[in-house]
PDB file of N, CA and C in Angstrom:
ATOM      1  N   UNK A   1      52.982 153.241  76.222  1.00  0.00           N
ATOM      2  CA  UNK A   1      52.778 152.222  77.230  1.00  0.00           C
ATOM      3  C   UNK A   1      51.313 152.256  77.666  1.00  0.00           C
ATOM      4  N   UNK A   2      50.690 151.103  77.664  1.00  0.00           N
ATOM      5  CA  UNK A   2      49.276 151.012  78.040  1.00  0.00           C
ATOM      6  C   UNK A   2      49.142 150.883  79.553  1.00  0.00           C
ATOM      7  N   UNK A   3      48.065 151.392  80.048  1.00  0.00           N
ATOM      8  CA  UNK A   3      47.751 151.264  81.468  1.00  0.00           C
ATOM      9  C   UNK A   3      46.346 150.711  81.614  1.00  0.00           C
ATOM     10  N   UNK A   4      45.996 150.328  82.791  1.00  0.00           N
ATOM     11  CA  UNK A   4      44.651 149.810  83.057  1.00  0.00           C
ATOM     12  C   UNK A   4      43.652 150.955  83.068  1.00  0.00           C
ATOM     13  N   UNK A   5      42.395 150.582  83.060  1.00  0.00           N
ATOM     14  CA  UNK A   5      41.342 151.582  83.138  1.00  0.00           C
ATOM     15  C   UNK A   5      40.937 152.067  81.768  1.00  0.00           C
ATOM     16  N   UNK A   6      40.605 153.335  81.662  1.00  0.00           N
ATOM     17  CA  UNK A   6      40.082 153.909  80.440  1.00  0.00           C
ATOM     18  C   UNK A   6      41.036 153.861  79.271  1.00  0.00           C
ATOM     19  N   UNK A   7      42.323 153.733  79.541  1.00  0.00           N
ATOM     20  CA  UNK A   7      43.289 153.733  78.447  1.00  0.00           C
ATOM     21  C   UNK A   7      43.606 152.339  77.926  1.00  0.00           C
ATOM     22  N   UNK A   8      43.077 151.302  78.566  1.00  0.00           N
ATOM     23  CA  UNK A   8      43.327 149.931  78.114  1.00  0.00           C
ATOM     24  C   UNK A   8      42.075 149.099  78.367  1.00  0.00           C
ATOM     25  N   UNK A   9      41.061 149.332  77.567  1.00  0.00           N
ATOM     26  CA  UNK A   9      39.771 148.658  77.765  1.00  0.00           C
ATOM     27  C   UNK A   9      39.908 147.143  77.649  1.00  0.00           C
ATOM     28  N   UNK A  10      40.723 146.666  76.726  1.00  0.00           N
ATOM     29  CA  UNK A  10      40.896 145.222  76.547  1.00  0.00           C
ATOM     30  C   UNK A  10      41.538 144.600  77.791  1.00  0.00           C
ATOM     31  N   UNK A  11      42.543 145.247  78.316  1.00  0.00           N
ATOM     32  CA  UNK A  11      43.198 144.751  79.532  1.00  0.00           C
ATOM     33  C   UNK A  11      42.244 144.748  80.714  1.00  0.00           C
ATOM     34  N   UNK A  12      41.456 145.789  80.825  1.00  0.00           N
ATOM     35  CA  UNK A  12      40.473 145.860  81.907  1.00  0.00           C
ATOM     36  C   UNK A  12      39.464 144.730  81.785  1.00  0.00           C
ATOM     37  N   UNK A  13      39.020 144.454  80.579  1.00  0.00           N
ATOM     38  CA  UNK A  13      38.072 143.365  80.355  1.00  0.00           C
ATOM     39  C   UNK A  13      38.678 142.027  80.765  1.00  0.00           C
ATOM     40  N   UNK A  14      39.949 141.802  80.416  1.00  0.00           N
ATOM     41  CA  UNK A  14      40.616 140.545  80.797  1.00  0.00           C
ATOM     42  C   UNK A  14      40.699 140.410  82.312  1.00  0.00           C
ATOM     43  N   UNK A  15      41.040 141.488  82.991  1.00  0.00           N
ATOM     44  CA  UNK A  15      41.157 141.446  84.454  1.00  0.00           C
ATOM     45  C   UNK A  15      39.798 141.172  85.092  1.00  0.00           C
ATOM     46  N   UNK A  16      38.768 141.844  84.619  1.00  0.00           N
ATOM     47  CA  UNK A  16      37.432 141.648  85.189  1.00  0.00           C
ATOM     48  C   UNK A  16      36.897 140.247  84.906  1.00  0.00           C
ATOM     49  N   UNK A  17      37.207 139.696  83.741  1.00  0.00           N
ATOM     50  CA  UNK A  17      36.807 138.334  83.418  1.00  0.00           C
ATOM     51  C   UNK A  17      37.494 137.346  84.352  1.00  0.00           C
ATOM     52  N   UNK A  18      38.787 137.535  84.567  1.00  0.00           N
ATOM     53  CA  UNK A  18      39.529 136.665  85.481  1.00  0.00           C
ATOM     54  C   UNK A  18      38.967 136.778  86.896  1.00  0.00           C
ATOM     55  N   UNK A  19      38.618 137.978  87.319  1.00  0.00           N
ATOM     56  CA  UNK A  19      38.040 138.169  88.643  1.00  0.00           C
ATOM     57  C   UNK A  19      36.706 137.439  88.767  1.00  0.00           C
ATOM     58  N   UNK A  20      35.869 137.531  87.746  1.00  0.00           N
ATOM     59  CA  UNK A  20      34.588 136.813  87.753  1.00  0.00           C
ATOM     60  C   UNK A  20      34.803 135.307  87.899  1.00  0.00           C
ATOM     61  N   UNK A  21      35.784 134.770  87.184  1.00  0.00           N
ATOM     62  CA  UNK A  21      36.078 133.337  87.267  1.00  0.00           C
ATOM     63  C   UNK A  21      36.584 132.963  88.657  1.00  0.00           C
ATOM     64  N   UNK A  22      37.436 133.801  89.221  1.00  0.00           N
ATOM     65  CA  UNK A  22      37.981 133.539  90.557  1.00  0.00           C
ATOM     66  C   UNK A  22      36.870 133.540  91.606  1.00  0.00           C
ATOM     67  N   UNK A  23      35.972 134.499  91.523  1.00  0.00           N
ATOM     68  CA  UNK A  23      34.856 134.578  92.466  1.00  0.00           C
ATOM     69  C   UNK A  23      33.953 133.353  92.320  1.00  0.00           C
ATOM     70  N   UNK A  24      33.667 132.965  91.089  1.00  0.00           N
ATOM     71  CA  UNK A  24      32.826 131.789  90.843  1.00  0.00           C
ATOM     72  C   UNK A  24      33.475 130.538  91.442  1.00  0.00           C
ATOM     73  N   UNK A  25      34.765 130.374  91.218  1.00  0.00           N
ATOM     74  CA  UNK A  25      35.463 129.211  91.760  1.00  0.00           C
ATOM     75  C   UNK A  25      35.426 129.227  93.289  1.00  0.00           C
ATOM     76  N   UNK A  26      35.608 130.378  93.897  1.00  0.00           N
ATOM     77  CA  UNK A  26      35.566 130.489  95.363  1.00  0.00           C
ATOM     78  C   UNK A  26      34.172 130.152  95.889  1.00  0.00           C
ATOM     79  N   UNK A  27      33.141 130.629  95.204  1.00  0.00           N
ATOM     80  CA  UNK A  27      31.769 130.352  95.633  1.00  0.00           C
ATOM     81  C   UNK A  27      31.448 128.859  95.577  1.00  0.00           C
ATOM     82  N   UNK A  28      32.087 128.147  94.654  1.00  0.00           N
ATOM     83  CA  UNK A  28      31.854 126.716  94.514  1.00  0.00           C
ATOM     84  C   UNK A  28      32.835 125.895  95.353  1.00  0.00           C
ATOM     85  N   UNK A  29      33.668 126.556  96.137  1.00  0.00           N
ATOM     86  CA  UNK A  29      34.582 125.868  97.042  1.00  0.00           C
ATOM     87  C   UNK A  29      35.702 125.114  96.361  1.00  0.00           C
ATOM     88  N   UNK A  30      36.045 125.519  95.154  1.00  0.00           N
ATOM     89  CA  UNK A  30      37.116 124.821  94.435  1.00  0.00           C
ATOM     90  C   UNK A  30      38.467 125.096  95.101  1.00  0.00           C
ATOM     91  N   UNK A  31      39.275 124.044  95.202  1.00  0.00           N
ATOM     92  CA  UNK A  31      40.592 124.157  95.814  1.00  0.00           C
ATOM     93  C   UNK A  31      41.515 124.988  94.920  1.00  0.00           C
ATOM     94  N   UNK A  32      42.268 125.862  95.539  1.00  0.00           N
ATOM     95  CA  UNK A  32      43.187 126.732  94.806  1.00  0.00           C
ATOM     96  C   UNK A  32      44.403 125.931  94.333  1.00  0.00           C
ATOM     97  N   UNK A  33      44.583 125.831  93.018  1.00  0.00           N
ATOM     98  CA  UNK A  33      45.714 125.115  92.426  1.00  0.00           C
ATOM     99  C   UNK A  33      46.290 125.972  91.300  1.00  0.00           C
ATOM    100  N   UNK A  34      47.477 125.602  90.842  1.00  0.00           N
ATOM    101  CA  UNK A  34      48.074 126.329  89.724  1.00  0.00           C
ATOM    102  C   UNK A  34      47.220 126.184  88.469  1.00  0.00           C
ATOM    103  N   UNK A  35      46.667 124.993  88.258  1.00  0.00           N
ATOM    104  CA  UNK A  35      45.810 124.773  87.086  1.00  0.00           C
ATOM    105  C   UNK A  35      44.584 125.675  87.136  1.00  0.00           C
ATOM    106  N   UNK A  36      44.008 125.824  88.309  1.00  0.00           N
ATOM    107  CA  UNK A  36      42.834 126.683  88.460  1.00  0.00           C
ATOM    108  C   UNK A  36      43.196 128.138  88.160  1.00  0.00           C
ATOM    109  N   UNK A  37      44.309 128.607  88.710  1.00  0.00           N
ATOM    110  CA  UNK A  37      44.724 129.992  88.464  1.00  0.00           C
ATOM    111  C   UNK A  37      45.064 130.223  86.997  1.00  0.00           C
ATOM    112  N   UNK A  38      45.632 129.210  86.339  1.00  0.00           N
ATOM    113  CA  UNK A  38      45.932 129.339  84.909  1.00  0.00           C
ATOM    114  C   UNK A  38      44.652 129.513  84.109  1.00  0.00           C
ATOM    115  N   UNK A  39      43.576 128.847  84.550  1.00  0.00           N
ATOM    116  CA  UNK A  39      42.289 128.971  83.866  1.00  0.00           C
ATOM    117  C   UNK A  39      41.793 130.420  83.914  1.00  0.00           C
ATOM    118  N   UNK A  40      42.080 131.114  85.009  1.00  0.00           N
ATOM    119  CA  UNK A  40      41.639 132.501  85.126  1.00  0.00           C
ATOM    120  C   UNK A  40      42.321 133.373  84.067  1.00  0.00           C
ATOM    121  N   UNK A  41      43.530 133.001  83.692  1.00  0.00           N
ATOM    122  CA  UNK A  41      44.271 133.779  82.680  1.00  0.00           C
ATOM    123  C   UNK A  41      43.835 133.433  81.269  1.00  0.00           C
ATOM    124  N   UNK A  42      43.257 132.250  81.098  1.00  0.00           N
ATOM    125  CA  UNK A  42      42.768 131.798  79.792  1.00  0.00           C
ATOM    126  C   UNK A  42      41.303 131.444  79.943  1.00  0.00           C
ATOM    127  N   UNK A  43      40.436 132.436  79.901  1.00  0.00           N
ATOM    128  CA  UNK A  43      39.009 132.202  80.159  1.00  0.00           C
ATOM    129  C   UNK A  43      38.406 131.170  79.200  1.00  0.00           C
ATOM    130  N   UNK A  44      37.322 130.627  79.666  1.00  0.00           N
ATOM    131  CA  UNK A  44      36.576 129.610  78.919  1.00  0.00           C
ATOM    132  C   UNK A  44      36.151 130.109  77.576  1.00  0.00           C
TER     133      UNK A  44
END
């Protein structure tokens, strides 16, 4: 079973990428919607 952190580098990268997208959207004042949150799970 994989866990976050040092034992799952790919998972950690996905989480940090999603966090970066969420912060960027918040900084630009984008309204929180399901479509927006889905974008965080499927990065650009």
